[in-house]
PDB file of all heavy atoms in Angstrom:
ATOM      1  N   LYS A   1     101.327 215.783 165.596  1.00  0.00           N
ATOM      2  CA  LYS A   1     101.734 214.722 164.719  1.00  0.00           C
ATOM      3  C   LYS A   1     103.135 215.133 164.062  1.00  0.00           C
ATOM      4  O   LYS A   1     103.208 215.449 162.897  1.00  0.00           O
ATOM      5  CB  LYS A   1     100.696 214.517 163.600  1.00  0.00           C
ATOM      6  CG  LYS A   1      99.359 214.054 164.178  1.00  0.00           C
ATOM      7  CD  LYS A   1      99.412 212.700 164.858  1.00  0.00           C
ATOM      8  CE  LYS A   1      98.031 212.224 165.278  1.00  0.00           C
ATOM      9  NZ  LYS A   1      98.096 210.896 165.944  1.00  0.00           N
ATOM     10  N   THR A   2     104.188 215.032 164.865  1.00  0.00           N
ATOM     11  CA  THR A   2     105.455 215.458 164.465  1.00  0.00           C
ATOM     12  C   THR A   2     106.550 214.393 164.702  1.00  0.00           C
ATOM     13  O   THR A   2     106.305 213.453 165.518  1.00  0.00           O
ATOM     14  CB  THR A   2     105.942 216.739 165.220  1.00  0.00           C
ATOM     15  OG1 THR A   2     106.040 216.452 166.577  1.00  0.00           O
ATOM     16  CG2 THR A   2     104.886 217.920 164.982  1.00  0.00           C
ATOM     17  N   ILE A   3     107.626 214.497 164.018  1.00  0.00           N
ATOM     18  CA  ILE A   3     108.736 213.615 164.286  1.00  0.00           C
ATOM     19  C   ILE A   3     109.219 213.710 165.706  1.00  0.00           C
ATOM     20  O   ILE A   3     109.506 212.697 166.415  1.00  0.00           O
ATOM     21  CB  ILE A   3     109.877 213.911 163.289  1.00  0.00           C
ATOM     22  CG1 ILE A   3     109.503 213.568 161.871  1.00  0.00           C
ATOM     23  CG2 ILE A   3     111.188 213.166 163.703  1.00  0.00           C
ATOM     24  CD1 ILE A   3     110.439 214.009 160.818  1.00  0.00           C
ATOM     25  N   GLU A   4     109.201 214.987 166.209  1.00  0.00           N
ATOM     26  CA  GLU A   4     109.647 215.097 167.635  1.00  0.00           C
ATOM     27  C   GLU A   4     108.782 214.499 168.618  1.00  0.00           C
ATOM     28  O   GLU A   4     109.201 213.785 169.609  1.00  0.00           O
ATOM     29  CB  GLU A   4     109.710 216.632 167.921  1.00  0.00           C
ATOM     30  CG  GLU A   4     110.795 217.442 167.226  1.00  0.00           C
ATOM     31  CD  GLU A   4     110.465 217.675 165.727  1.00  0.00           C
ATOM     32  OE1 GLU A   4     109.313 217.546 165.344  1.00  0.00           O
ATOM     33  OE2 GLU A   4     111.458 217.973 164.995  1.00  0.00           O
ATOM     34  N   SER A   5     107.464 214.494 168.364  1.00  0.00           N
ATOM     35  CA  SER A   5     106.481 213.791 169.195  1.00  0.00           C
ATOM     36  C   SER A   5     106.671 212.243 169.200  1.00  0.00           C
ATOM     37  O   SER A   5     106.605 211.621 170.255  1.00  0.00           O
ATOM     38  CB  SER A   5     105.046 214.154 168.778  1.00  0.00           C
ATOM     39  OG  SER A   5     104.763 215.506 169.059  1.00  0.00           O
ATOM     40  N   ALA A   6     106.929 211.747 168.013  1.00  0.00           N
ATOM     41  CA  ALA A   6     107.136 210.346 167.886  1.00  0.00           C
ATOM     42  C   ALA A   6     108.349 209.840 168.667  1.00  0.00           C
ATOM     43  O   ALA A   6     108.304 208.865 169.423  1.00  0.00           O
ATOM     44  CB  ALA A   6     107.213 209.948 166.445  1.00  0.00           C
ATOM     45  N   ASN A   7     109.393 210.608 168.503  1.00  0.00           N
ATOM     46  CA  ASN A   7     110.684 210.235 169.250  1.00  0.00           C
ATOM     47  C   ASN A   7     110.481 210.353 170.697  1.00  0.00           C
ATOM     48  O   ASN A   7     110.924 209.534 171.497  1.00  0.00           O
ATOM     49  CB  ASN A   7     111.830 211.129 168.755  1.00  0.00           C
ATOM     50  CG  ASN A   7     112.288 210.746 167.271  1.00  0.00           C
ATOM     51  OD1 ASN A   7     112.189 209.575 166.855  1.00  0.00           O
ATOM     52  ND2 ASN A   7     112.803 211.728 166.623  1.00  0.00           N
ATOM     53  N   GLN A   8     109.803 211.393 171.075  1.00  0.00           N
ATOM     54  CA  GLN A   8     109.621 211.672 172.574  1.00  0.00           C
ATOM     55  C   GLN A   8     108.795 210.637 173.211  1.00  0.00           C
ATOM     56  O   GLN A   8     109.034 210.121 174.334  1.00  0.00           O
ATOM     57  CB  GLN A   8     109.075 213.014 172.784  1.00  0.00           C
ATOM     58  CG  GLN A   8     109.056 213.410 174.247  1.00  0.00           C
ATOM     59  CD  GLN A   8     110.437 213.550 174.829  1.00  0.00           C
ATOM     60  OE1 GLN A   8     111.333 214.321 174.285  1.00  0.00           O
ATOM     61  NE2 GLN A   8     110.744 212.832 175.913  1.00  0.00           N
ATOM     62  N   PHE A   9     107.670 210.251 172.525  1.00  0.00           N
ATOM     63  CA  PHE A   9     106.786 209.267 173.044  1.00  0.00           C
ATOM     64  C   PHE A   9     107.484 207.908 173.246  1.00  0.00           C
ATOM     65  O   PHE A   9     107.381 207.251 174.255  1.00  0.00           O
ATOM     66  CB  PHE A   9     105.607 209.069 172.060  1.00  0.00           C
ATOM     67  CG  PHE A   9     104.457 208.185 172.582  1.00  0.00           C
ATOM     68  CD1 PHE A   9     103.447 208.680 173.251  1.00  0.00           C
ATOM     69  CD2 PHE A   9     104.534 206.844 172.330  1.00  0.00           C
ATOM     70  CE1 PHE A   9     102.385 207.871 173.714  1.00  0.00           C
ATOM     71  CE2 PHE A   9     103.517 206.006 172.710  1.00  0.00           C
ATOM     72  CZ  PHE A   9     102.417 206.472 173.446  1.00  0.00           C
ATOM     73  N   GLY A  10     108.333 207.515 172.220  1.00  0.00           N
ATOM     74  CA  GLY A  10     109.075 206.272 172.329  1.00  0.00           C
ATOM     75  C   GLY A  10     110.103 206.350 173.388  1.00  0.00           C
ATOM     76  O   GLY A  10     110.297 205.430 174.224  1.00  0.00           O
ATOM     77  N   GLU A  11     110.783 207.485 173.494  1.00  0.00           N
ATOM     78  CA  GLU A  11     111.795 207.618 174.581  1.00  0.00           C
ATOM     79  C   GLU A  11     111.115 207.566 175.949  1.00  0.00           C
ATOM     80  O   GLU A  11     111.725 206.962 176.910  1.00  0.00           O
ATOM     81  CB  GLU A  11     112.537 208.968 174.412  1.00  0.00           C
ATOM     82  CG  GLU A  11     113.643 209.188 175.465  1.00  0.00           C
ATOM     83  CD  GLU A  11     114.366 210.526 175.250  1.00  0.00           C
ATOM     84  OE1 GLU A  11     114.426 210.975 174.043  1.00  0.00           O
ATOM     85  OE2 GLU A  11     114.754 211.110 176.293  1.00  0.00           O
ATOM     86  N   ASP A  12     109.980 208.202 176.064  1.00  0.00           N
ATOM     87  CA  ASP A  12     109.305 208.212 177.427  1.00  0.00           C
ATOM     88  C   ASP A  12     108.876 206.788 177.774  1.00  0.00           C
ATOM     89  O   ASP A  12     108.891 206.401 178.977  1.00  0.00           O
ATOM     90  CB  ASP A  12     108.096 209.117 177.330  1.00  0.00           C
ATOM     91  CG  ASP A  12     108.490 210.589 177.299  1.00  0.00           C
ATOM     92  OD1 ASP A  12     109.690 210.955 177.596  1.00  0.00           O
ATOM     93  OD2 ASP A  12     107.528 211.441 177.070  1.00  0.00           O
ATOM     94  N   LEU A  13     108.428 205.984 176.822  1.00  0.00           N
ATOM     95  CA  LEU A  13     108.016 204.598 177.019  1.00  0.00           C
ATOM     96  C   LEU A  13     109.222 203.859 177.535  1.00  0.00           C
ATOM     97  O   LEU A  13     109.190 203.028 178.515  1.00  0.00           O
ATOM     98  CB  LEU A  13     107.463 204.012 175.791  1.00  0.00           C
ATOM     99  CG  LEU A  13     107.233 202.458 175.888  1.00  0.00           C
ATOM    100  CD1 LEU A  13     106.287 202.095 177.014  1.00  0.00           C
ATOM    101  CD2 LEU A  13     106.750 201.944 174.491  1.00  0.00           C
ATOM    102  N   ALA A  14     110.427 204.007 176.829  1.00  0.00           N
ATOM    103  CA  ALA A  14     111.638 203.327 177.269  1.00  0.00           C
ATOM    104  C   ALA A  14     112.078 203.664 178.670  1.00  0.00           C
ATOM    105  O   ALA A  14     112.476 202.880 179.447  1.00  0.00           O
ATOM    106  CB  ALA A  14     112.728 203.565 176.249  1.00  0.00           C
ATOM    107  N   LYS A  15     111.944 204.978 178.948  1.00  0.00           N
ATOM    108  CA  LYS A  15     112.325 205.402 180.337  1.00  0.00           C
ATOM    109  C   LYS A  15     111.447 204.774 181.387  1.00  0.00           C
ATOM    110  O   LYS A  15     111.869 204.385 182.504  1.00  0.00           O
ATOM    111  CB  LYS A  15     112.229 206.926 180.365  1.00  0.00           C
ATOM    112  CG  LYS A  15     113.360 207.663 179.679  1.00  0.00           C
ATOM    113  CD  LYS A  15     113.210 209.201 179.794  1.00  0.00           C
ATOM    114  CE  LYS A  15     114.306 209.908 179.085  1.00  0.00           C
ATOM    115  NZ  LYS A  15     114.193 211.337 179.093  1.00  0.00           N
ATOM    116  N   GLU A  16     110.150 204.666 181.007  1.00  0.00           N
ATOM    117  CA  GLU A  16     109.243 204.061 182.037  1.00  0.00           C
ATOM    118  C   GLU A  16     109.504 202.591 182.243  1.00  0.00           C
ATOM    119  O   GLU A  16     109.448 202.106 183.343  1.00  0.00           O
ATOM    120  CB  GLU A  16     107.756 204.153 181.567  1.00  0.00           C
ATOM    121  CG  GLU A  16     106.712 203.600 182.483  1.00  0.00           C
ATOM    122  CD  GLU A  16     106.655 204.244 183.858  1.00  0.00           C
ATOM    123  OE1 GLU A  16     107.004 205.440 183.941  1.00  0.00           O
ATOM    124  OE2 GLU A  16     106.506 203.491 184.788  1.00  0.00           O
ATOM    125  N   VAL A  17     109.798 201.956 181.139  1.00  0.00           N
ATOM    126  CA  VAL A  17     110.240 200.515 181.102  1.00  0.00           C
ATOM    127  C   VAL A  17     111.446 200.226 182.012  1.00  0.00           C
ATOM    128  O   VAL A  17     111.527 199.468 182.917  1.00  0.00           O
ATOM    129  CB  VAL A  17     110.389 199.947 179.750  1.00  0.00           C
ATOM    130  CG1 VAL A  17     111.150 198.617 179.794  1.00  0.00           C
ATOM    131  CG2 VAL A  17     109.099 199.827 179.034  1.00  0.00           C
ATOM    132  N   LEU A  18     112.479 201.138 181.830  1.00  0.00           N
ATOM    133  CA  LEU A  18     113.782 200.997 182.503  1.00  0.00           C
ATOM    134  C   LEU A  18     113.607 201.334 183.957  1.00  0.00           C
ATOM    135  O   LEU A  18     114.185 200.764 184.892  1.00  0.00           O
ATOM    136  CB  LEU A  18     114.821 201.881 181.846  1.00  0.00           C
ATOM    137  CG  LEU A  18     115.230 201.364 180.441  1.00  0.00           C
ATOM    138  CD1 LEU A  18     116.158 202.353 179.811  1.00  0.00           C
ATOM    139  CD2 LEU A  18     115.830 199.974 180.492  1.00  0.00           C
ATOM    140  N   ASN A  19     112.767 202.330 184.293  1.00  0.00           N
ATOM    141  CA  ASN A  19     112.476 202.694 185.690  1.00  0.00           C
ATOM    142  C   ASN A  19     111.838 201.506 186.413  1.00  0.00           C
ATOM    143  O   ASN A  19     112.155 201.213 187.550  1.00  0.00           O
ATOM    144  CB  ASN A  19     111.684 203.940 185.726  1.00  0.00           C
ATOM    145  CG  ASN A  19     111.368 204.345 187.201  1.00  0.00           C
ATOM    146  OD1 ASN A  19     112.312 204.672 187.947  1.00  0.00           O
ATOM    147  ND2 ASN A  19     110.114 204.376 187.564  1.00  0.00           N
ATOM    148  N   SER A  20     110.867 200.883 185.711  1.00  0.00           N
ATOM    149  CA  SER A  20     110.138 199.819 186.343  1.00  0.00           C
ATOM    150  C   SER A  20     111.030 198.629 186.498  1.00  0.00           C
ATOM    151  O   SER A  20     111.114 197.962 187.627  1.00  0.00           O
ATOM    152  CB  SER A  20     108.926 199.434 185.442  1.00  0.00           C
ATOM    153  OG  SER A  20     108.293 198.274 185.931  1.00  0.00           O
ATOM    154  N   VAL A  21     111.827 198.278 185.565  1.00  0.00           N
ATOM    155  CA  VAL A  21     112.648 197.025 185.581  1.00  0.00           C
ATOM    156  C   VAL A  21     113.879 197.199 186.519  1.00  0.00           C
ATOM    157  O   VAL A  21     114.466 196.204 186.956  1.00  0.00           O
ATOM    158  CB  VAL A  21     113.044 196.592 184.272  1.00  0.00           C
ATOM    159  CG1 VAL A  21     114.353 197.373 183.723  1.00  0.00           C
ATOM    160  CG2 VAL A  21     113.376 195.090 184.127  1.00  0.00           C
ATOM    161  N   SER A  22     114.170 198.449 186.827  1.00  0.00           N
ATOM    162  CA  SER A  22     115.286 198.678 187.865  1.00  0.00           C
ATOM    163  C   SER A  22     114.928 198.140 189.218  1.00  0.00           C
ATOM    164  O   SER A  22     115.818 197.867 190.090  1.00  0.00           O
ATOM    165  CB  SER A  22     115.634 200.148 187.923  1.00  0.00           C
ATOM    166  OG  SER A  22     114.539 200.903 188.501  1.00  0.00           O
ATOM    167  N   GLU A  23     113.642 197.976 189.442  1.00  0.00           N
ATOM    168  CA  GLU A  23     113.169 197.463 190.760  1.00  0.00           C
ATOM    169  C   GLU A  23     112.540 196.037 190.546  1.00  0.00           C
ATOM    170  O   GLU A  23     111.701 195.674 191.413  1.00  0.00           O
ATOM    171  CB  GLU A  23     112.280 198.442 191.455  1.00  0.00           C
ATOM    172  CG  GLU A  23     112.801 199.794 191.734  1.00  0.00           C
ATOM    173  CD  GLU A  23     111.858 200.737 192.316  1.00  0.00           C
ATOM    174  OE1 GLU A  23     110.685 200.402 192.498  1.00  0.00           O
ATOM    175  OE2 GLU A  23     112.346 201.865 192.659  1.00  0.00           O
ATOM    176  N   ALA A  24     112.846 195.401 189.463  1.00  0.00           N
ATOM    177  CA  ALA A  24     112.185 194.117 189.148  1.00  0.00           C
ATOM    178  C   ALA A  24     112.568 193.035 190.099  1.00  0.00           C
ATOM    179  O   ALA A  24     113.672 193.033 190.604  1.00  0.00           O
ATOM    180  CB  ALA A  24     112.502 193.730 187.672  1.00  0.00           C
ATOM    181  N   LYS A  25     111.695 192.083 190.168  1.00  0.00           N
ATOM    182  CA  LYS A  25     112.068 190.842 190.917  1.00  0.00           C
ATOM    183  C   LYS A  25     112.655 189.805 189.978  1.00  0.00           C
ATOM    184  O   LYS A  25     112.293 189.717 188.812  1.00  0.00           O
ATOM    185  CB  LYS A  25     110.869 190.232 191.643  1.00  0.00           C
ATOM    186  CG  LYS A  25     109.779 189.734 190.741  1.00  0.00           C
ATOM    187  CD  LYS A  25     108.732 188.948 191.514  1.00  0.00           C
ATOM    188  CE  LYS A  25     107.715 188.263 190.591  1.00  0.00           C
ATOM    189  NZ  LYS A  25     106.737 187.440 191.388  1.00  0.00           N
ATOM    190  N   GLN A  26     113.580 189.028 190.545  1.00  0.00           N
ATOM    191  CA  GLN A  26     114.214 187.959 189.746  1.00  0.00           C
ATOM    192  C   GLN A  26     113.382 186.774 189.767  1.00  0.00           C
ATOM    193  O   GLN A  26     112.775 186.391 190.744  1.00  0.00           O
ATOM    194  CB  GLN A  26     115.594 187.652 190.232  1.00  0.00           C
ATOM    195  CG  GLN A  26     116.292 186.611 189.456  1.00  0.00           C
ATOM    196  CD  GLN A  26     117.747 186.321 189.993  1.00  0.00           C
ATOM    197  OE1 GLN A  26     118.240 187.066 190.761  1.00  0.00           O
ATOM    198  NE2 GLN A  26     118.310 185.255 189.511  1.00  0.00           N
ATOM    199  N   MET A  27     113.183 186.133 188.594  1.00  0.00           N
ATOM    200  CA  MET A  27     112.437 184.857 188.532  1.00  0.00           C
ATOM    201  C   MET A  27     113.304 183.755 189.115  1.00  0.00           C
ATOM    202  O   MET A  27     114.541 183.547 188.580  1.00  0.00           O
ATOM    203  CB  MET A  27     111.942 184.541 187.173  1.00  0.00           C
ATOM    204  CG  MET A  27     110.831 185.502 186.662  1.00  0.00           C
ATOM    205  SD  MET A  27     110.044 184.829 185.159  1.00  0.00           S
ATOM    206  CE  MET A  27     111.313 184.656 184.044  1.00  0.00           C
ATOM    207  N   MET A  28     112.910 182.982 190.039  1.00  0.00           N
ATOM    208  CA  MET A  28     113.666 181.906 190.629  1.00  0.00           C
ATOM    209  C   MET A  28     113.557 180.594 189.828  1.00  0.00           C
ATOM    210  O   MET A  28     114.408 179.732 189.829  1.00  0.00           O
ATOM    211  CB  MET A  28     113.328 181.650 192.061  1.00  0.00           C
ATOM    212  CG  MET A  28     113.498 182.900 192.964  1.00  0.00           C
ATOM    213  SD  MET A  28     115.193 183.499 192.794  1.00  0.00           S
ATOM    214  CE  MET A  28     116.167 182.119 193.410  1.00  0.00           C
ATOM    215  N   VAL A  29     112.395 180.443 189.147  1.00  0.00           N
ATOM    216  CA  VAL A  29     112.200 179.278 188.313  1.00  0.00           C
ATOM    217  C   VAL A  29     111.905 179.708 186.857  1.00  0.00           C
ATOM    218  O   VAL A  29     111.084 180.618 186.659  1.00  0.00           O
ATOM    219  CB  VAL A  29     110.937 178.460 188.803  1.00  0.00           C
ATOM    220  CG1 VAL A  29     110.693 177.234 187.938  1.00  0.00           C
ATOM    221  CG2 VAL A  29     111.198 178.006 190.262  1.00  0.00           C
ATOM    222  N   VAL A  30     112.547 179.087 185.941  1.00  0.00           N
ATOM    223  CA  VAL A  30     112.560 179.568 184.586  1.00  0.00           C
ATOM    224  C   VAL A  30     112.211 178.499 183.548  1.00  0.00           C
ATOM    225  O   VAL A  30     112.748 178.503 182.425  1.00  0.00           O
ATOM    226  CB  VAL A  30     113.889 180.246 184.179  1.00  0.00           C
ATOM    227  CG1 VAL A  30     114.019 181.592 184.941  1.00  0.00           C
ATOM    228  CG2 VAL A  30     115.094 179.326 184.524  1.00  0.00           C
ATOM    229  N   GLU A  31     111.362 177.646 183.889  1.00  0.00           N
ATOM    230  CA  GLU A  31     110.872 176.591 182.913  1.00  0.00           C
ATOM    231  C   GLU A  31     110.320 177.195 181.715  1.00  0.00           C
ATOM    232  O   GLU A  31     109.778 178.296 181.737  1.00  0.00           O
ATOM    233  CB  GLU A  31     109.864 175.709 183.640  1.00  0.00           C
ATOM    234  CG  GLU A  31     110.278 174.737 184.631  1.00  0.00           C
ATOM    235  CD  GLU A  31     109.119 173.904 185.112  1.00  0.00           C
ATOM    236  OE1 GLU A  31     108.152 174.497 185.649  1.00  0.00           O
ATOM    237  OE2 GLU A  31     109.208 172.647 184.893  1.00  0.00           O
ATOM    238  N   ILE A  32     110.376 176.451 180.593  1.00  0.00           N
ATOM    239  CA  ILE A  32     109.711 176.914 179.345  1.00  0.00           C
ATOM    240  C   ILE A  32     108.729 175.852 179.031  1.00  0.00           C
ATOM    241  O   ILE A  32     108.941 174.642 179.035  1.00  0.00           O
ATOM    242  CB  ILE A  32     110.725 177.114 178.180  1.00  0.00           C
ATOM    243  CG1 ILE A  32     111.680 178.247 178.445  1.00  0.00           C
ATOM    244  CG2 ILE A  32     110.006 177.272 176.810  1.00  0.00           C
ATOM    245  CD1 ILE A  32     112.843 178.385 177.443  1.00  0.00           C
ATOM    246  N   ALA A  33     107.489 176.321 178.624  1.00  0.00           N
ATOM    247  CA  ALA A  33     106.428 175.483 178.193  1.00  0.00           C
ATOM    248  C   ALA A  33     105.729 176.093 177.019  1.00  0.00           C
ATOM    249  O   ALA A  33     105.729 177.287 176.889  1.00  0.00           O
ATOM    250  CB  ALA A  33     105.417 175.197 179.320  1.00  0.00           C
ATOM    251  N   PHE A  34     105.074 175.202 176.210  1.00  0.00           N
ATOM    252  CA  PHE A  34     104.518 175.745 174.917  1.00  0.00           C
ATOM    253  C   PHE A  34     103.361 174.917 174.510  1.00  0.00           C
ATOM    254  O   PHE A  34     103.437 173.716 174.509  1.00  0.00           O
ATOM    255  CB  PHE A  34     105.646 175.729 173.796  1.00  0.00           C
ATOM    256  CG  PHE A  34     105.307 176.583 172.647  1.00  0.00           C
ATOM    257  CD1 PHE A  34     105.821 177.846 172.443  1.00  0.00           C
ATOM    258  CD2 PHE A  34     104.509 176.000 171.564  1.00  0.00           C
ATOM    259  CE1 PHE A  34     105.482 178.549 171.291  1.00  0.00           C
ATOM    260  CE2 PHE A  34     104.209 176.759 170.496  1.00  0.00           C
ATOM    261  CZ  PHE A  34     104.737 178.015 170.290  1.00  0.00           C
ATOM    262  N   ASN A  35     102.324 175.593 174.109  1.00  0.00           N
ATOM    263  CA  ASN A  35     101.147 174.983 173.465  1.00  0.00           C
ATOM    264  C   ASN A  35     100.679 175.777 172.222  1.00  0.00           C
ATOM    265  O   ASN A  35     100.920 177.049 172.203  1.00  0.00           O
ATOM    266  CB  ASN A  35      99.962 174.852 174.361  1.00  0.00           C
ATOM    267  CG  ASN A  35     100.122 173.834 175.392  1.00  0.00           C
ATOM    268  OD1 ASN A  35     100.804 172.813 175.214  1.00  0.00           O
ATOM    269  ND2 ASN A  35      99.505 174.010 176.563  1.00  0.00           N
ATOM    270  N   ARG A  36     100.164 175.144 171.287  1.00  0.00           N
ATOM    271  CA  ARG A  36      99.527 175.940 170.101  1.00  0.00           C
ATOM    272  C   ARG A  36      98.364 175.155 169.543  1.00  0.00           C
ATOM    273  O   ARG A  36      98.155 173.980 169.881  1.00  0.00           O
ATOM    274  CB  ARG A  36     100.639 176.111 169.025  1.00  0.00           C
ATOM    275  CG  ARG A  36     100.982 174.824 168.288  1.00  0.00           C
ATOM    276  CD  ARG A  36     101.085 175.098 166.843  1.00  0.00           C
ATOM    277  NE  ARG A  36     101.512 173.788 166.084  1.00  0.00           N
ATOM    278  CZ  ARG A  36     101.702 173.692 164.870  1.00  0.00           C
ATOM    279  NH1 ARG A  36     101.589 174.835 164.046  1.00  0.00           N
ATOM    280  NH2 ARG A  36     102.047 172.662 164.229  1.00  0.00           N
ATOM    281  N   LYS A  37      97.581 175.796 168.780  1.00  0.00           N
ATOM    282  CA  LYS A  37      96.390 175.211 168.264  1.00  0.00           C
ATOM    283  C   LYS A  37      96.194 175.792 166.822  1.00  0.00           C
ATOM    284  O   LYS A  37      96.170 177.005 166.633  1.00  0.00           O
ATOM    285  CB  LYS A  37      95.120 175.541 169.096  1.00  0.00           C
ATOM    286  CG  LYS A  37      93.879 174.856 168.586  1.00  0.00           C
ATOM    287  CD  LYS A  37      92.703 175.162 169.558  1.00  0.00           C
ATOM    288  CE  LYS A  37      91.450 174.552 169.022  1.00  0.00           C
ATOM    289  NZ  LYS A  37      91.506 173.056 168.933  1.00  0.00           N
ATOM    290  N   LEU A  38      95.978 174.893 165.871  1.00  0.00           N
ATOM    291  CA  LEU A  38      95.556 175.403 164.519  1.00  0.00           C
ATOM    292  C   LEU A  38      94.118 175.642 164.540  1.00  0.00           C
ATOM    293  O   LEU A  38      93.344 174.899 165.220  1.00  0.00           O
ATOM    294  CB  LEU A  38      95.861 174.239 163.521  1.00  0.00           C
ATOM    295  CG  LEU A  38      97.415 173.920 163.373  1.00  0.00           C
ATOM    296  CD1 LEU A  38      97.561 172.764 162.421  1.00  0.00           C
ATOM    297  CD2 LEU A  38      98.226 175.073 163.020  1.00  0.00           C
ATOM    298  N   ILE A  39      93.695 176.612 163.882  1.00  0.00           N
ATOM    299  CA  ILE A  39      92.277 177.023 163.921  1.00  0.00           C
ATOM    300  C   ILE A  39      91.768 177.644 162.646  1.00  0.00           C
ATOM    301  O   ILE A  39      92.597 178.148 161.814  1.00  0.00           O
ATOM    302  CB  ILE A  39      92.056 178.108 165.027  1.00  0.00           C
ATOM    303  CG1 ILE A  39      90.575 178.413 165.309  1.00  0.00           C
ATOM    304  CG2 ILE A  39      92.917 179.331 164.823  1.00  0.00           C
ATOM    305  CD1 ILE A  39      90.369 179.343 166.548  1.00  0.00           C
ATOM    306  N   LYS A  40      90.553 177.431 162.332  1.00  0.00           N
ATOM    307  CA  LYS A  40      89.943 178.041 161.110  1.00  0.00           C
ATOM    308  C   LYS A  40      88.875 179.001 161.492  1.00  0.00           C
ATOM    309  O   LYS A  40      88.003 178.697 162.303  1.00  0.00           O
ATOM    310  CB  LYS A  40      89.299 176.980 160.244  1.00  0.00           C
ATOM    311  CG  LYS A  40      90.270 176.075 159.473  1.00  0.00           C
ATOM    312  CD  LYS A  40      89.609 175.156 158.461  1.00  0.00           C
ATOM    313  CE  LYS A  40      90.621 174.426 157.641  1.00  0.00           C
ATOM    314  NZ  LYS A  40      89.964 173.548 156.579  1.00  0.00           N
ATOM    315  N   PHE A  41      88.965 180.221 161.020  1.00  0.00           N
ATOM    316  CA  PHE A  41      87.975 181.186 161.211  1.00  0.00           C
ATOM    317  C   PHE A  41      87.046 181.303 159.995  1.00  0.00           C
ATOM    318  O   PHE A  41      87.531 181.355 158.886  1.00  0.00           O
ATOM    319  CB  PHE A  41      88.602 182.599 161.454  1.00  0.00           C
ATOM    320  CG  PHE A  41      89.339 182.802 162.781  1.00  0.00           C
ATOM    321  CD1 PHE A  41      90.578 183.169 162.839  1.00  0.00           C
ATOM    322  CD2 PHE A  41      88.678 182.455 163.991  1.00  0.00           C
ATOM    323  CE1 PHE A  41      91.327 183.361 163.992  1.00  0.00           C
ATOM    324  CE2 PHE A  41      89.367 182.574 165.182  1.00  0.00           C
ATOM    325  CZ  PHE A  41      90.675 183.024 165.225  1.00  0.00           C
ATOM    326  N   PRO A  42      85.715 181.456 160.212  1.00  0.00           N
ATOM    327  CA  PRO A  42      84.888 181.626 159.062  1.00  0.00           C
ATOM    328  C   PRO A  42      85.098 183.057 158.454  1.00  0.00           C
ATOM    329  O   PRO A  42      85.338 184.032 159.161  1.00  0.00           O
ATOM    330  CB  PRO A  42      83.425 181.558 159.683  1.00  0.00           C
ATOM    331  CG  PRO A  42      83.655 181.814 161.126  1.00  0.00           C
ATOM    332  CD  PRO A  42      84.983 181.333 161.489  1.00  0.00           C
ATOM    333  N   VAL A  43      85.091 183.135 157.134  1.00  0.00           N
ATOM    334  CA  VAL A  43      85.238 184.397 156.491  1.00  0.00           C
ATOM    335  C   VAL A  43      83.802 184.849 156.091  1.00  0.00           C
ATOM    336  O   VAL A  43      83.230 184.409 155.125  1.00  0.00           O
ATOM    337  CB  VAL A  43      86.177 184.275 155.190  1.00  0.00           C
ATOM    338  CG1 VAL A  43      86.281 185.624 154.468  1.00  0.00           C
ATOM    339  CG2 VAL A  43      87.521 183.729 155.596  1.00  0.00           C
ATOM    340  N   GLU A  44      83.291 185.772 156.934  1.00  0.00           N
ATOM    341  CA  GLU A  44      81.965 186.220 156.725  1.00  0.00           C
ATOM    342  C   GLU A  44      81.916 187.570 155.901  1.00  0.00           C
ATOM    343  O   GLU A  44      80.845 188.110 155.646  1.00  0.00           O
ATOM    344  CB  GLU A  44      81.245 186.420 158.078  1.00  0.00           C
ATOM    345  CG  GLU A  44      81.177 185.137 158.906  1.00  0.00           C
ATOM    346  CD  GLU A  44      80.753 185.316 160.282  1.00  0.00           C
ATOM    347  OE1 GLU A  44      79.574 185.237 160.542  1.00  0.00           O
ATOM    348  OE2 GLU A  44      81.626 185.490 161.229  1.00  0.00           O
ATOM    349  N   ASN A  45      83.099 188.125 155.739  1.00  0.00           N
ATOM    350  CA  ASN A  45      83.180 189.384 155.017  1.00  0.00           C
ATOM    351  C   ASN A  45      83.621 189.105 153.564  1.00  0.00           C
ATOM    352  O   ASN A  45      84.762 188.631 153.314  1.00  0.00           O
ATOM    353  CB  ASN A  45      84.279 190.272 155.685  1.00  0.00           C
ATOM    354  CG  ASN A  45      84.384 191.669 155.107  1.00  0.00           C
ATOM    355  OD1 ASN A  45      83.979 191.886 154.005  1.00  0.00           O
ATOM    356  ND2 ASN A  45      84.857 192.573 155.956  1.00  0.00           N
ATOM    357  N   GLU A  46      82.856 189.333 152.613  1.00  0.00           N
ATOM    358  CA  GLU A  46      83.095 189.161 151.237  1.00  0.00           C
ATOM    359  C   GLU A  46      84.312 189.867 150.695  1.00  0.00           C
ATOM    360  O   GLU A  46      84.925 189.420 149.642  1.00  0.00           O
ATOM    361  CB  GLU A  46      81.854 189.406 150.333  1.00  0.00           C
ATOM    362  CG  GLU A  46      80.705 188.419 150.528  1.00  0.00           C
ATOM    363  CD  GLU A  46      81.053 187.002 150.224  1.00  0.00           C
ATOM    364  OE1 GLU A  46      81.706 186.773 149.216  1.00  0.00           O
ATOM    365  OE2 GLU A  46      80.601 186.055 150.985  1.00  0.00           O
TER     366      GLU A  46
END
């Protein structure tokens, strides 16, 4: 649980992301669509 570990973990994640996206496929269709729903959850915890 060190500052060095936190920085290294984040850097390693970024490296994995960039390695993956370097071989990414391009999306040929880029439509945007959106839905949402308002919802009520019961509060069973006092």
